[in-house]
Amino acid sequence: MNQKGFINIILIIIVIALVGTGAYFVSTGQVTLPTPSPTPTSTSKPSPTFESSSIPTTTIPFIGDDTYSWPIQNVCIPVSSPGDPVVIKDLRDGTYVYQRSDGSLFRGNQNSCRCLSAQTLISTPNGSKIVKDLKIGMYVYTLNRRGDKIIAPLTKTAKVSIPSDYMVSYILLSDNRELFASNAHPTADGRTIGELFAGDSLGGAQIIKRELVLYSDSFTYDILPAGDTGFYWANDILLKSTLSK
């Protein structure tokens, strides 16, 4: 046997010894197999959590709510144009339920436009005068707290610009008297024009109809006579001024 063959025999014996030793330790549990390293994963920011009370919400009331408890907004609503609030319920107290374009509701009146049409006739000692022609210091008829019809000078006048598509109420009485005025204009007995309906009484006559009509002028008007009531006759119908002293 030459030297090269002897070396090969030695190597084979070493390999067989190593394999046998490894098999022994594995079978007796004395070898711990390596644990594979965890595969790295991308980390993401956790989603925030909220308490239910911290999430802002928008409550849209509906007609089933107590609409009379809603706060009143002063509005001047003309004929409905795209985006304008529209009246969906008359509360019969001078206020209305309006619906915005987003579906939300609110209670409002027309206090910012509570005046008379430009051609309304006011009773004066010199006959009926068109309201838009009256000036401070001119005399008109008024009614004092004792119920006496007296003459008093005007202490204030008002001219209010309104939208081109603004609407006023047209009232026709059973004796053919007529009136064009904003819905929120007050009567002498504490009501507003918007609270009046066919069959109600006004100025000693019965209302035949009240309807909204398109107003053709650019301004509405009002006056305030001196005295303790603010009353005056418009188209021979006793009304109360919207102006304060």
Protein backbone atom coordinates (compact mmCIF):
# COMPACT_ATOMS: atom_id res chain seq x y z
CA MET A 1 0.00 0.00 0.00
CA ASN A 2 1.47 3.32 -0.94
CA GLN A 3 1.34 6.49 1.11
CA LYS A 4 -1.52 8.08 -0.82
CA GLY A 5 -3.81 5.09 -0.27
CA PHE A 6 -3.05 5.10 3.42
CA ILE A 7 -4.07 8.77 3.75
CA ASN A 8 -7.38 8.14 1.99
CA ILE A 9 -8.20 5.34 4.42
CA ILE A 10 -7.49 7.64 7.38
CA LEU A 11 -9.78 10.36 5.99
CA ILE A 12 -12.64 7.91 5.46
CA ILE A 13 -12.30 6.68 9.05
CA ILE A 14 -12.40 10.30 10.35
CA VAL A 15 -15.53 11.12 8.33
CA ILE A 16 -17.30 7.96 9.55
CA ALA A 17 -16.40 8.82 13.15
CA LEU A 18 -17.72 12.37 12.86
CA VAL A 19 -21.02 11.27 11.29
CA GLY A 20 -21.54 8.64 13.95
CA THR A 21 -20.83 11.10 16.77
CA GLY A 22 -23.30 13.65 15.35
CA ALA A 23 -26.02 11.06 14.99
CA TYR A 24 -25.53 10.03 18.61
CA PHE A 25 -25.96 13.55 20.01
CA VAL A 26 -29.03 14.29 17.88
CA SER A 27 -30.74 11.05 18.93
CA THR A 28 -30.09 11.75 22.64
CA GLY A 29 -31.37 15.38 22.43
CA GLN A 30 -28.06 16.88 23.42
CA VAL A 31 -27.92 19.14 20.39
CA THR A 32 -30.07 22.29 20.17
CA LEU A 33 -31.00 23.13 16.65
CA PRO A 34 -30.60 26.83 15.83
CA THR A 35 -33.74 28.94 16.01
CA PRO A 36 -34.39 30.78 12.77
CA SER A 37 -34.17 34.53 13.05
CA PRO A 38 -37.48 36.35 12.68
CA THR A 39 -38.10 37.91 9.34
CA PRO A 40 -38.06 41.72 9.74
CA THR A 41 -41.36 43.39 8.97
CA SER A 42 -42.10 46.98 8.17
CA THR A 43 -43.53 48.93 11.08
CA SER A 44 -46.54 51.20 10.58
CA LYS A 45 -47.88 53.99 12.78
CA PRO A 46 -50.83 52.72 14.79
CA SER A 47 -54.22 54.22 13.90
CA PRO A 48 -55.40 56.75 16.51
CA THR A 49 -58.39 55.83 18.62
CA PHE A 50 -61.03 58.30 19.85
CA GLU A 51 -63.51 58.32 22.62
CA SER A 52 -66.99 58.66 21.16
CA SER A 53 -67.46 61.99 22.95
CA SER A 54 -64.38 63.50 21.29
CA ILE A 55 -65.59 63.09 17.72
CA PRO A 56 -67.24 66.31 16.51
CA THR A 57 -70.70 65.79 15.09
CA THR A 58 -73.24 68.03 13.37
CA THR A 59 -76.81 67.61 14.47
CA ILE A 60 -79.45 68.44 11.90
CA PRO A 61 -82.80 68.96 13.63
CA PHE A 62 -85.93 67.72 11.99
CA ILE A 63 -89.55 68.84 12.03
CA GLY A 64 -90.37 66.34 14.75
CA ASP A 65 -88.25 68.38 17.19
CA ASP A 66 -89.82 71.16 19.26
CA THR A 67 -89.25 73.86 16.64
CA TYR A 68 -90.70 76.54 18.92
CA SER A 69 -87.71 76.09 21.24
CA TRP A 70 -85.17 76.77 18.46
CA PRO A 71 -83.40 80.17 18.58
CA ILE A 72 -84.78 82.70 16.10
CA GLN A 73 -82.48 84.01 13.39
CA ASN A 74 -83.20 87.35 11.75
CA VAL A 75 -83.29 86.77 8.02
CA CYS A 76 -84.45 88.47 4.87
CA ILE A 77 -85.38 85.67 2.50
CA PRO A 78 -86.44 86.54 -1.07
CA VAL A 79 -87.84 84.17 -3.65
CA SER A 80 -85.75 81.02 -3.41
CA SER A 81 -82.69 81.18 -5.61
CA PRO A 82 -80.11 78.39 -5.91
CA GLY A 83 -78.43 78.10 -2.51
CA ASP A 84 -80.98 80.25 -0.66
CA PRO A 85 -82.82 78.81 2.36
CA VAL A 86 -86.42 77.90 1.59
CA VAL A 87 -89.44 77.93 3.88
CA ILE A 88 -90.72 74.41 4.59
CA LYS A 89 -93.06 75.14 7.50
CA ASP A 90 -94.99 78.19 8.75
CA LEU A 91 -95.01 78.15 12.57
CA ARG A 92 -97.89 80.70 12.59
CA ASP A 93 -96.16 82.95 15.12
CA GLY A 94 -94.31 85.16 12.65
CA THR A 95 -91.46 82.66 12.30
CA TYR A 96 -90.74 79.85 9.87
CA VAL A 97 -88.68 76.70 9.53
CA TYR A 98 -86.12 77.20 6.76
CA GLN A 99 -84.04 74.53 5.04
CA ARG A 100 -80.54 75.30 3.83
CA SER A 101 -79.03 73.76 0.71
CA ASP A 102 -77.12 71.25 2.88
CA GLY A 103 -80.37 69.96 4.37
CA SER A 104 -79.97 71.57 7.80
CA LEU A 105 -82.91 73.44 9.31
CA PHE A 106 -83.29 76.62 11.34
CA ARG A 107 -86.06 78.87 12.65
CA GLY A 108 -86.13 82.41 11.35
CA ASN A 109 -88.19 85.51 10.70
CA GLN A 110 -87.76 88.52 8.46
CA ASN A 111 -86.98 91.20 11.03
CA SER A 112 -84.29 92.74 8.85
CA CYS A 113 -86.88 93.55 6.14
CA ARG A 114 -90.06 94.45 8.04
CA CYS A 115 -91.26 97.49 6.15
CA LEU A 116 -93.93 98.73 3.77
CA SER A 117 -94.03 98.84 -0.01
CA ALA A 118 -93.00 102.10 -1.65
CA GLN A 119 -96.54 103.00 -2.81
CA THR A 120 -98.23 102.57 0.59
CA LEU A 121 -100.48 105.52 1.45
CA ILE A 122 -100.13 107.07 4.91
CA SER A 123 -102.99 109.05 6.48
CA THR A 124 -102.03 112.67 7.16
CA PRO A 125 -103.95 115.89 7.94
CA ASN A 126 -103.35 116.86 4.29
CA GLY A 127 -104.72 113.66 2.85
CA SER A 128 -103.03 110.36 2.02
CA LYS A 129 -99.32 110.62 1.21
CA ILE A 130 -97.03 108.02 -0.35
CA VAL A 131 -94.74 106.66 2.37
CA LYS A 132 -91.53 107.11 0.38
CA ASP A 133 -92.25 110.85 0.04
CA LEU A 134 -92.58 111.51 3.78
CA LYS A 135 -89.83 113.33 5.67
CA ILE A 136 -88.98 113.88 9.32
CA GLY A 137 -91.11 116.72 10.72
CA MET A 138 -94.10 116.07 8.46
CA TYR A 139 -97.39 115.39 10.28
CA VAL A 140 -99.37 112.18 10.18
CA TYR A 141 -102.26 110.70 12.10
CA THR A 142 -101.45 108.40 15.00
CA LEU A 143 -103.33 106.77 17.88
CA ASN A 144 -102.36 107.39 21.49
CA ARG A 145 -102.70 104.95 24.39
CA ARG A 146 -106.11 106.37 25.31
CA GLY A 147 -107.36 105.45 21.86
CA ASP A 148 -107.53 109.02 20.58
CA LYS A 149 -106.69 109.75 16.96
CA ILE A 150 -104.23 112.65 17.03
CA ILE A 151 -101.79 114.49 14.79
CA ALA A 152 -98.06 114.02 15.41
CA PRO A 153 -94.83 114.84 13.55
CA LEU A 154 -92.58 112.15 12.18
CA THR A 155 -89.44 111.63 14.25
CA LYS A 156 -87.87 108.95 12.05
CA THR A 157 -88.13 107.53 8.55
CA ALA A 158 -86.47 104.44 7.10
CA LYS A 159 -85.54 103.27 3.61
CA VAL A 160 -84.27 99.68 3.42
CA SER A 161 -82.54 98.17 0.40
CA ILE A 162 -83.85 94.71 -0.44
CA PRO A 163 -82.92 91.94 -2.95
CA SER A 164 -84.31 92.12 -6.45
CA ASP A 165 -86.26 88.90 -5.90
CA TYR A 166 -87.69 89.83 -2.49
CA MET A 167 -91.26 88.87 -1.65
CA VAL A 168 -93.86 90.70 0.42
CA SER A 169 -97.30 89.70 1.61
CA TYR A 170 -100.32 90.96 -0.28
CA ILE A 171 -103.43 91.28 1.90
CA LEU A 172 -106.95 91.85 0.56
CA LEU A 173 -109.71 92.76 3.03
CA SER A 174 -113.44 92.23 2.67
CA ASP A 175 -113.97 95.99 2.21
CA ASN A 176 -111.43 96.03 -0.65
CA ARG A 177 -108.60 97.65 1.32
CA GLU A 178 -105.23 96.28 0.30
CA LEU A 179 -101.75 96.20 1.81
CA PHE A 180 -98.29 95.15 0.64
CA ALA A 181 -95.87 94.65 3.53
CA SER A 182 -93.05 92.42 4.78
CA ASN A 183 -94.16 89.37 6.74
CA ALA A 184 -92.52 90.55 9.96
CA HIS A 185 -94.16 93.99 9.97
CA PRO A 186 -96.26 94.40 13.15
CA THR A 187 -99.93 95.25 13.31
CA ALA A 188 -101.40 97.50 16.00
CA ASP A 189 -102.75 94.52 17.97
CA GLY A 190 -99.37 92.81 18.40
CA ARG A 191 -99.48 90.35 15.51
CA THR A 192 -97.26 90.34 12.43
CA ILE A 193 -98.32 90.32 8.80
CA GLY A 194 -96.93 86.83 8.44
CA GLU A 195 -99.23 85.54 11.18
CA LEU A 196 -102.38 86.58 9.33
CA PHE A 197 -104.47 84.17 7.30
CA ALA A 198 -107.66 84.25 5.28
CA GLY A 199 -110.61 84.51 7.65
CA ASP A 200 -108.72 86.49 10.30
CA SER A 201 -109.74 90.04 11.09
CA LEU A 202 -107.64 93.14 10.44
CA GLY A 203 -108.64 96.77 10.73
CA GLY A 204 -112.28 95.90 11.42
CA ALA A 205 -112.64 93.76 8.29
CA GLN A 206 -112.09 90.14 7.31
CA ILE A 207 -109.01 89.03 5.44
CA ILE A 208 -110.03 87.54 2.09
CA LYS A 209 -106.52 86.38 1.24
CA ARG A 210 -102.88 86.79 2.13
CA GLU A 211 -100.28 85.62 -0.33
CA LEU A 212 -96.61 86.18 -1.06
CA VAL A 213 -95.93 88.20 -4.19
CA LEU A 214 -92.76 89.36 -5.88
CA TYR A 215 -91.86 92.93 -4.88
CA SER A 216 -90.96 95.15 -7.83
CA ASP A 217 -89.22 98.04 -5.99
CA SER A 218 -85.65 98.22 -4.71
CA PHE A 219 -86.53 99.57 -1.24
CA THR A 220 -89.08 99.18 1.52
CA TYR A 221 -90.03 102.02 3.88
CA ASP A 222 -91.23 102.80 7.38
CA ILE A 223 -91.99 105.83 9.54
CA LEU A 224 -92.19 106.64 13.26
CA PRO A 225 -94.63 109.31 14.48
CA ALA A 226 -94.07 111.05 17.81
CA GLY A 227 -96.18 109.74 20.66
CA ASP A 228 -96.44 106.76 22.95
CA THR A 229 -97.55 104.02 20.52
CA GLY A 230 -95.79 104.31 17.15
CA PHE A 231 -99.11 103.64 15.41
CA TYR A 232 -100.10 105.04 12.01
CA TRP A 233 -102.60 104.27 9.26
CA ALA A 234 -101.21 102.62 6.10
CA ASN A 235 -103.80 102.23 3.33
CA ASP A 236 -106.35 103.01 6.09
CA ILE A 237 -105.13 99.99 8.14
CA LEU A 238 -103.71 100.69 11.61
CA LEU A 239 -100.14 99.39 11.88
CA LYS A 240 -97.24 99.76 14.30
CA SER A 241 -93.88 101.21 13.34
CA THR A 242 -90.83 98.95 13.32
CA LEU A 243 -88.62 101.90 14.32
CA SER A 244 -87.67 102.62 17.92
CA LYS A 245 -87.49 106.03 19.54
